[in-house]
Amino acid sequence: MTDPALTPALARVRAGALCAGCGACAALAPGRVEMAVSGAGFLRPHQTGPVDAATDAAIAAVCPKLPRRNTRTCRGSRRAKRRISSRVPSVEPSSTSTIS
């Protein structure tokens, strides 16, 4: 049996040696992507079955080492920072609380 063709996301991870070994791809595609120990002793993804396009897109979205397409918002544009800070409630320290 031949190995299935790598998905675009896993091919980018392998080509750039980008894997962090987190196993998110294997969790999203159980039975189709498994984590295996590499020759250097690190966990790396190994595709064991076909992965559909929707699962590949989910892998690309969750992989911590693959760059995101919308990097401006992710890296902190002023507008994004204002939106986030307006949603986060401010917490005032209590004068009666003590840390022991």
Foldseek 3Di string as FASTA:
>chain_A
DDADDDDPQLVVCVVVVQAPQPCPLCVLPPPQWDWDQDPVGGTGIGGRHDDDPVSSVVCLVPGPRRDDPPVCLVVDDPVNVVVVVVPDDDDDDDPPDDDD
